[in-house]
Structures are given as structure tokens and as C-alpha cells.
PDB file of all heavy atoms in Angstrom:
ATOM      1  N   GLY A   1      -4.182 -32.048  54.303  1.00  0.00           N
ATOM      2  CA  GLY A   1      -4.911 -31.550  55.459  1.00  0.00           C
ATOM      3  C   GLY A   1      -4.799 -32.510  56.634  1.00  0.00           C
ATOM      4  O   GLY A   1      -4.524 -33.693  56.465  1.00  0.00           O
ATOM      5  N   VAL A   2      -5.014 -31.972  57.830  1.00  0.00           N
ATOM      6  CA  VAL A   2      -4.987 -32.759  59.060  1.00  0.00           C
ATOM      7  C   VAL A   2      -6.206 -32.373  59.883  1.00  0.00           C
ATOM      8  O   VAL A   2      -6.472 -31.175  60.093  1.00  0.00           O
ATOM      9  CB  VAL A   2      -3.704 -32.500  59.881  1.00  0.00           C
ATOM     10  CG1 VAL A   2      -3.725 -33.341  61.167  1.00  0.00           C
ATOM     11  CG2 VAL A   2      -2.467 -32.815  59.057  1.00  0.00           C
ATOM     12  N   GLU A   3      -6.941 -33.370  60.342  1.00  0.00           N
ATOM     13  CA  GLU A   3      -8.079 -33.095  61.211  1.00  0.00           C
ATOM     14  C   GLU A   3      -8.031 -33.994  62.438  1.00  0.00           C
ATOM     15  O   GLU A   3      -7.472 -35.099  62.398  1.00  0.00           O
ATOM     16  CB  GLU A   3      -9.402 -33.273  60.485  1.00  0.00           C
ATOM     17  CG  GLU A   3      -9.725 -34.706  60.106  1.00  0.00           C
ATOM     18  CD  GLU A   3     -11.136 -34.852  59.517  1.00  0.00           C
ATOM     19  OE1 GLU A   3     -12.083 -34.926  60.322  1.00  0.00           O
ATOM     20  OE2 GLU A   3     -11.250 -34.898  58.279  1.00  0.00           O
ATOM     21  N   LEU A   4      -8.579 -33.476  63.517  1.00  0.00           N
ATOM     22  CA  LEU A   4      -8.729 -34.252  64.741  1.00  0.00           C
ATOM     23  C   LEU A   4     -10.114 -34.871  64.719  1.00  0.00           C
ATOM     24  O   LEU A   4     -11.129 -34.143  64.653  1.00  0.00           O
ATOM     25  CB  LEU A   4      -8.569 -33.348  65.965  1.00  0.00           C
ATOM     26  CG  LEU A   4      -8.802 -33.995  67.331  1.00  0.00           C
ATOM     27  CD1 LEU A   4      -7.726 -35.042  67.638  1.00  0.00           C
ATOM     28  CD2 LEU A   4      -8.847 -32.929  68.419  1.00  0.00           C
ATOM     29  N   LEU A   5     -10.210 -36.206  64.728  1.00  0.00           N
ATOM     30  CA  LEU A   5     -11.517 -36.852  64.686  1.00  0.00           C
ATOM     31  C   LEU A   5     -12.360 -36.385  65.866  1.00  0.00           C
ATOM     32  O   LEU A   5     -11.886 -36.309  67.000  1.00  0.00           O
ATOM     33  CB  LEU A   5     -11.368 -38.369  64.704  1.00  0.00           C
ATOM     34  CG  LEU A   5     -10.676 -39.015  63.490  1.00  0.00           C
ATOM     35  CD1 LEU A   5     -10.733 -40.530  63.586  1.00  0.00           C
ATOM     36  CD2 LEU A   5     -11.291 -38.537  62.178  1.00  0.00           C
ATOM     37  N   GLY A   6     -13.593 -36.057  65.567  1.00  0.00           N
ATOM     38  CA  GLY A   6     -14.504 -35.568  66.591  1.00  0.00           C
ATOM     39  C   GLY A   6     -14.432 -34.080  66.804  1.00  0.00           C
ATOM     40  O   GLY A   6     -15.214 -33.522  67.579  1.00  0.00           O
ATOM     41  N   SER A   7     -13.503 -33.407  66.114  1.00  0.00           N
ATOM     42  CA  SER A   7     -13.331 -31.968  66.317  1.00  0.00           C
ATOM     43  C   SER A   7     -13.302 -31.204  64.998  1.00  0.00           C
ATOM     44  O   SER A   7     -14.078 -30.279  64.790  1.00  0.00           O
ATOM     45  CB  SER A   7     -12.051 -31.684  67.110  1.00  0.00           C
ATOM     46  OG  SER A   7     -11.846 -30.307  67.280  1.00  0.00           O
ATOM     47  N   GLY A   8     -12.401 -31.608  64.103  1.00  0.00           N
ATOM     48  CA  GLY A   8     -12.288 -30.911  62.827  1.00  0.00           C
ATOM     49  C   GLY A   8     -10.857 -30.567  62.496  1.00  0.00           C
ATOM     50  O   GLY A   8      -9.907 -31.085  63.087  1.00  0.00           O
ATOM     51  N   ALA A   9     -10.686 -29.670  61.542  1.00  0.00           N
ATOM     52  CA  ALA A   9      -9.351 -29.301  61.070  1.00  0.00           C
ATOM     53  C   ALA A   9      -8.535 -28.681  62.193  1.00  0.00           C
ATOM     54  O   ALA A   9      -9.056 -27.974  63.062  1.00  0.00           O
ATOM     55  CB  ALA A   9      -9.463 -28.331  59.897  1.00  0.00           C
ATOM     56  N   VAL A  10      -7.237 -28.971  62.168  1.00  0.00           N
ATOM     57  CA  VAL A  10      -6.316 -28.433  63.172  1.00  0.00           C
ATOM     58  C   VAL A  10      -5.145 -27.744  62.478  1.00  0.00           C
ATOM     59  O   VAL A  10      -4.868 -27.970  61.297  1.00  0.00           O
ATOM     60  CB  VAL A  10      -5.787 -29.541  64.115  1.00  0.00           C
ATOM     61  CG1 VAL A  10      -6.911 -30.111  64.974  1.00  0.00           C
ATOM     62  CG2 VAL A  10      -5.091 -30.648  63.308  1.00  0.00           C
ATOM     63  N   GLU A  11      -4.456 -26.904  63.215  1.00  0.00           N
ATOM     64  CA  GLU A  11      -3.277 -26.222  62.698  1.00  0.00           C
ATOM     65  C   GLU A  11      -2.119 -27.219  62.599  1.00  0.00           C
ATOM     66  O   GLU A  11      -1.863 -27.976  63.526  1.00  0.00           O
ATOM     67  CB  GLU A  11      -2.903 -25.078  63.641  1.00  0.00           C
ATOM     68  CG  GLU A  11      -1.673 -24.293  63.201  1.00  0.00           C
ATOM     69  CD  GLU A  11      -1.300 -23.226  64.220  1.00  0.00           C
ATOM     70  OE1 GLU A  11      -2.188 -22.820  65.007  1.00  0.00           O
ATOM     71  OE2 GLU A  11      -0.113 -22.823  64.235  1.00  0.00           O
ATOM     72  N   TRP A  12      -1.425 -27.199  61.455  1.00  0.00           N
ATOM     73  CA  TRP A  12      -0.313 -28.134  61.275  1.00  0.00           C
ATOM     74  C   TRP A  12       0.756 -27.519  60.378  1.00  0.00           C
ATOM     75  O   TRP A  12       0.490 -26.642  59.568  1.00  0.00           O
ATOM     76  CB  TRP A  12      -0.803 -29.447  60.672  1.00  0.00           C
ATOM     77  CG  TRP A  12      -1.371 -29.318  59.278  1.00  0.00           C
ATOM     78  CD1 TRP A  12      -2.639 -28.948  58.934  1.00  0.00           C
ATOM     79  CD2 TRP A  12      -0.676 -29.520  58.037  1.00  0.00           C
ATOM     80  NE1 TRP A  12      -2.793 -28.906  57.572  1.00  0.00           N
ATOM     81  CE2 TRP A  12      -1.593 -29.267  56.995  1.00  0.00           C
ATOM     82  CE3 TRP A  12       0.635 -29.891  57.708  1.00  0.00           C
ATOM     83  CZ2 TRP A  12      -1.264 -29.375  55.646  1.00  0.00           C
ATOM     84  CZ3 TRP A  12       0.980 -29.995  56.360  1.00  0.00           C
ATOM     85  CH2 TRP A  12       0.036 -29.751  55.356  1.00  0.00           C
ATOM     86  N   ARG A  13       1.988 -28.002  60.553  1.00  0.00           N
ATOM     87  CA  ARG A  13       3.116 -27.610  59.710  1.00  0.00           C
ATOM     88  C   ARG A  13       4.035 -28.802  59.563  1.00  0.00           C
ATOM     89  O   ARG A  13       4.309 -29.514  60.532  1.00  0.00           O
ATOM     90  CB  ARG A  13       3.911 -26.458  60.351  1.00  0.00           C
ATOM     91  CG  ARG A  13       3.200 -25.132  60.421  1.00  0.00           C
ATOM     92  CD  ARG A  13       4.050 -24.055  61.085  1.00  0.00           C
ATOM     93  NE  ARG A  13       4.427 -24.422  62.447  1.00  0.00           N
ATOM     94  CZ  ARG A  13       5.653 -24.687  62.849  1.00  0.00           C
ATOM     95  NH1 ARG A  13       6.666 -24.660  61.979  1.00  0.00           N
ATOM     96  NH2 ARG A  13       5.905 -25.003  64.110  1.00  0.00           N
ATOM     97  N   GLN A  14       4.516 -29.041  58.350  1.00  0.00           N
ATOM     98  CA  GLN A  14       5.498 -30.108  58.123  1.00  0.00           C
ATOM     99  C   GLN A  14       6.866 -29.468  57.996  1.00  0.00           C
ATOM    100  O   GLN A  14       7.120 -28.696  57.063  1.00  0.00           O
ATOM    101  CB  GLN A  14       5.146 -30.920  56.880  1.00  0.00           C
ATOM    102  CG  GLN A  14       5.911 -32.232  56.783  1.00  0.00           C
ATOM    103  CD  GLN A  14       5.455 -33.076  55.604  1.00  0.00           C
ATOM    104  OE1 GLN A  14       4.924 -32.549  54.625  1.00  0.00           O
ATOM    105  NE2 GLN A  14       5.666 -34.378  55.684  1.00  0.00           N
ATOM    106  N   THR A  15       7.740 -29.759  58.935  1.00  0.00           N
ATOM    107  CA  THR A  15       9.059 -29.136  58.990  1.00  0.00           C
ATOM    108  C   THR A  15      10.140 -30.191  58.842  1.00  0.00           C
ATOM    109  O   THR A  15       9.863 -31.386  58.709  1.00  0.00           O
ATOM    110  CB  THR A  15       9.251 -28.409  60.334  1.00  0.00           C
ATOM    111  OG1 THR A  15       9.408 -29.393  61.371  1.00  0.00           O
ATOM    112  CG2 THR A  15       8.063 -27.523  60.661  1.00  0.00           C
ATOM    113  N   ALA A  16      11.364 -29.738  58.894  1.00  0.00           N
ATOM    114  CA  ALA A  16      12.496 -30.664  58.798  1.00  0.00           C
ATOM    115  C   ALA A  16      12.568 -31.593  59.996  1.00  0.00           C
ATOM    116  O   ALA A  16      13.228 -32.636  59.944  1.00  0.00           O
ATOM    117  CB  ALA A  16      13.794 -29.868  58.671  1.00  0.00           C
ATOM    118  N   GLU A  17      11.880 -31.227  61.081  1.00  0.00           N
ATOM    119  CA  GLU A  17      11.911 -32.053  62.289  1.00  0.00           C
ATOM    120  C   GLU A  17      10.738 -33.014  62.379  1.00  0.00           C
ATOM    121  O   GLU A  17      10.794 -34.001  63.129  1.00  0.00           O
ATOM    122  CB  GLU A  17      11.925 -31.160  63.530  1.00  0.00           C
ATOM    123  CG  GLU A  17      13.204 -30.343  63.669  1.00  0.00           C
ATOM    124  CD  GLU A  17      13.219 -29.539  64.937  1.00  0.00           C
ATOM    125  OE1 GLU A  17      12.145 -29.423  65.595  1.00  0.00           O
ATOM    126  OE2 GLU A  17      14.291 -29.024  65.296  1.00  0.00           O
ATOM    127  N   GLY A  18       9.659 -32.738  61.659  1.00  0.00           N
ATOM    128  CA  GLY A  18       8.506 -33.618  61.734  1.00  0.00           C
ATOM    129  C   GLY A  18       7.224 -32.884  61.424  1.00  0.00           C
ATOM    130  O   GLY A  18       7.218 -31.694  61.069  1.00  0.00           O
ATOM    131  N   LEU A  19       6.120 -33.604  61.563  1.00  0.00           N
ATOM    132  CA  LEU A  19       4.802 -33.019  61.375  1.00  0.00           C
ATOM    133  C   LEU A  19       4.353 -32.428  62.712  1.00  0.00           C
ATOM    134  O   LEU A  19       4.115 -33.161  63.675  1.00  0.00           O
ATOM    135  CB  LEU A  19       3.805 -34.078  60.896  1.00  0.00           C
ATOM    136  CG  LEU A  19       2.344 -33.623  60.778  1.00  0.00           C
ATOM    137  CD1 LEU A  19       2.200 -32.551  59.693  1.00  0.00           C
ATOM    138  CD2 LEU A  19       1.435 -34.820  60.488  1.00  0.00           C
ATOM    139  N   ALA A  20       4.258 -31.109  62.780  1.00  0.00           N
ATOM    140  CA  ALA A  20       3.864 -30.421  64.013  1.00  0.00           C
ATOM    141  C   ALA A  20       2.376 -30.109  63.951  1.00  0.00           C
ATOM    142  O   ALA A  20       1.896 -29.501  62.987  1.00  0.00           O
ATOM    143  CB  ALA A  20       4.669 -29.142  64.184  1.00  0.00           C
ATOM    144  N   VAL A  21       1.649 -30.519  64.975  1.00  0.00           N
ATOM    145  CA  VAL A  21       0.202 -30.327  65.040  1.00  0.00           C
ATOM    146  C   VAL A  21      -0.138 -29.673  66.372  1.00  0.00           C
ATOM    147  O   VAL A  21       0.416 -30.036  67.415  1.00  0.00           O
ATOM    148  CB  VAL A  21      -0.547 -31.666  64.912  1.00  0.00           C
ATOM    149  CG1 VAL A  21      -2.050 -31.466  65.059  1.00  0.00           C
ATOM    150  CG2 VAL A  21      -0.222 -32.343  63.582  1.00  0.00           C
ATOM    151  N   THR A  22      -1.055 -28.734  66.344  1.00  0.00           N
ATOM    152  CA  THR A  22      -1.538 -28.108  67.568  1.00  0.00           C
ATOM    153  C   THR A  22      -2.962 -28.585  67.843  1.00  0.00           C
ATOM    154  O   THR A  22      -3.873 -28.335  67.042  1.00  0.00           O
ATOM    155  CB  THR A  22      -1.526 -26.576  67.454  1.00  0.00           C
ATOM    156  OG1 THR A  22      -0.193 -26.134  67.157  1.00  0.00           O
ATOM    157  CG2 THR A  22      -1.989 -25.939  68.752  1.00  0.00           C
ATOM    158  N   LEU A  23      -3.142 -29.289  68.947  1.00  0.00           N
ATOM    159  CA  LEU A  23      -4.456 -29.809  69.311  1.00  0.00           C
ATOM    160  C   LEU A  23      -5.261 -28.747  70.043  1.00  0.00           C
ATOM    161  O   LEU A  23      -4.706 -27.917  70.778  1.00  0.00           O
ATOM    162  CB  LEU A  23      -4.310 -31.033  70.228  1.00  0.00           C
ATOM    163  CG  LEU A  23      -3.559 -32.238  69.673  1.00  0.00           C
ATOM    164  CD1 LEU A  23      -3.475 -33.324  70.744  1.00  0.00           C
ATOM    165  CD2 LEU A  23      -4.230 -32.788  68.422  1.00  0.00           C
ATOM    166  N   PRO A  24      -6.583 -28.756  69.885  1.00  0.00           N
ATOM    167  CA  PRO A  24      -7.425 -27.839  70.666  1.00  0.00           C
ATOM    168  C   PRO A  24      -7.486 -28.295  72.127  1.00  0.00           C
ATOM    169  O   PRO A  24      -6.951 -29.350  72.483  1.00  0.00           O
ATOM    170  CB  PRO A  24      -8.789 -27.972  69.984  1.00  0.00           C
ATOM    171  CG  PRO A  24      -8.786 -29.354  69.404  1.00  0.00           C
ATOM    172  CD  PRO A  24      -7.364 -29.600  68.972  1.00  0.00           C
ATOM    173  N   ALA A  25      -8.135 -27.515  72.944  1.00  0.00           N
ATOM    174  CA  ALA A  25      -8.287 -27.878  74.351  1.00  0.00           C
ATOM    175  C   ALA A  25      -8.947 -29.247  74.468  1.00  0.00           C
ATOM    176  O   ALA A  25      -9.843 -29.590  73.691  1.00  0.00           O
ATOM    177  CB  ALA A  25      -9.121 -26.810  75.066  1.00  0.00           C
ATOM    178  N   ASP A  26      -8.488 -30.020  75.442  1.00  0.00           N
ATOM    179  CA  ASP A  26      -8.953 -31.401  75.593  1.00  0.00           C
ATOM    180  C   ASP A  26     -10.337 -31.443  76.220  1.00  0.00           C
ATOM    181  O   ASP A  26     -10.561 -30.907  77.304  1.00  0.00           O
ATOM    182  CB  ASP A  26      -7.966 -32.176  76.460  1.00  0.00           C
ATOM    183  CG  ASP A  26      -8.374 -33.632  76.637  1.00  0.00           C
ATOM    184  OD1 ASP A  26      -9.194 -34.120  75.832  1.00  0.00           O
ATOM    185  OD2 ASP A  26      -7.879 -34.271  77.573  1.00  0.00           O
ATOM    186  N   ALA A  27     -11.261 -32.101  75.526  1.00  0.00           N
ATOM    187  CA  ALA A  27     -12.607 -32.304  76.079  1.00  0.00           C
ATOM    188  C   ALA A  27     -12.888 -33.781  76.304  1.00  0.00           C
ATOM    189  O   ALA A  27     -14.021 -34.169  76.568  1.00  0.00           O
ATOM    190  CB  ALA A  27     -13.644 -31.715  75.124  1.00  0.00           C
ATOM    191  N   SER A  28     -11.832 -34.613  76.207  1.00  0.00           N
ATOM    192  CA  SER A  28     -12.029 -36.069  76.274  1.00  0.00           C
ATOM    193  C   SER A  28     -11.665 -36.665  77.625  1.00  0.00           C
ATOM    194  O   SER A  28     -11.789 -37.874  77.820  1.00  0.00           O
ATOM    195  CB  SER A  28     -11.188 -36.748  75.198  1.00  0.00           C
ATOM    196  OG  SER A  28      -9.804 -36.686  75.525  1.00  0.00           O
ATOM    197  N   GLY A  29     -11.164 -35.845  78.540  1.00  0.00           N
ATOM    198  CA  GLY A  29     -10.741 -36.394  79.819  1.00  0.00           C
ATOM    199  C   GLY A  29      -9.408 -37.097  79.753  1.00  0.00           C
ATOM    200  O   GLY A  29      -9.141 -37.989  80.562  1.00  0.00           O
ATOM    201  N   GLY A  30      -8.575 -36.715  78.795  1.00  0.00           N
ATOM    202  CA  GLY A  30      -7.240 -37.300  78.710  1.00  0.00           C
ATOM    203  C   GLY A  30      -7.152 -38.584  77.923  1.00  0.00           C
ATOM    204  O   GLY A  30      -6.124 -39.265  77.961  1.00  0.00           O
ATOM    205  N   MET A  31      -8.182 -38.912  77.177  1.00  0.00           N
ATOM    206  CA  MET A  31      -8.162 -40.134  76.365  1.00  0.00           C
ATOM    207  C   MET A  31      -7.223 -39.976  75.171  1.00  0.00           C
ATOM    208  O   MET A  31      -6.880 -38.847  74.774  1.00  0.00           O
ATOM    209  CB  MET A  31      -9.574 -40.452  75.866  1.00  0.00           C
ATOM    210  CG  MET A  31     -10.556 -40.836  76.952  1.00  0.00           C
ATOM    211  SD  MET A  31     -10.221 -42.468  77.678  1.00  0.00           S
ATOM    212  CE  MET A  31     -10.835 -43.554  76.379  1.00  0.00           C
ATOM    213  N   PRO A  32      -6.782 -41.085  74.567  1.00  0.00           N
ATOM    214  CA  PRO A  32      -6.007 -41.000  73.329  1.00  0.00           C
ATOM    215  C   PRO A  32      -6.781 -40.235  72.255  1.00  0.00           C
ATOM    216  O   PRO A  32      -8.012 -40.122  72.315  1.00  0.00           O
ATOM    217  CB  PRO A  32      -5.813 -42.466  72.937  1.00  0.00           C
ATOM    218  CG  PRO A  32      -5.870 -43.212  74.238  1.00  0.00           C
ATOM    219  CD  PRO A  32      -6.907 -42.482  75.044  1.00  0.00           C
ATOM    220  N   TYR A  33      -6.072 -39.725  71.263  1.00  0.00           N
ATOM    221  CA  TYR A  33      -6.697 -38.944  70.201  1.00  0.00           C
ATOM    222  C   TYR A  33      -6.303 -39.526  68.850  1.00  0.00           C
ATOM    223  O   TYR A  33      -5.337 -40.290  68.733  1.00  0.00           O
ATOM    224  CB  TYR A  33      -6.273 -37.478  70.290  1.00  0.00           C
ATOM    225  CG  TYR A  33      -4.785 -37.275  70.121  1.00  0.00           C
ATOM    226  CD1 TYR A  33      -4.220 -37.055  68.865  1.00  0.00           C
ATOM    227  CD2 TYR A  33      -3.938 -37.314  71.226  1.00  0.00           C
ATOM    228  CE1 TYR A  33      -2.853 -36.893  68.707  1.00  0.00           C
ATOM    229  CE2 TYR A  33      -2.564 -37.160  71.080  1.00  0.00           C
ATOM    230  CZ  TYR A  33      -2.031 -36.954  69.824  1.00  0.00           C
ATOM    231  OH  TYR A  33      -0.680 -36.803  69.671  1.00  0.00           O
TER     232      TYR A  33
END
């Protein structure tokens, strides 16, 4: 599983190119995640 700290589980797929993750809309003002 993959989760975004402060938010919860996120959509992810592990492919031949890498671990692809889709982040939710940003509520942090552009801070690192």
C-alpha cells in the first residue's frame, strides 16, 4: 500500500517504468510531500 502522510491512501501502480502515484489536490501550499 501507499499513503500520503496527512491525507491517506492514494492511487498507485508499479509498472516497468516505476512506481506511479497520483496525488490528491494540493492543500499544503506547494510544500514537499
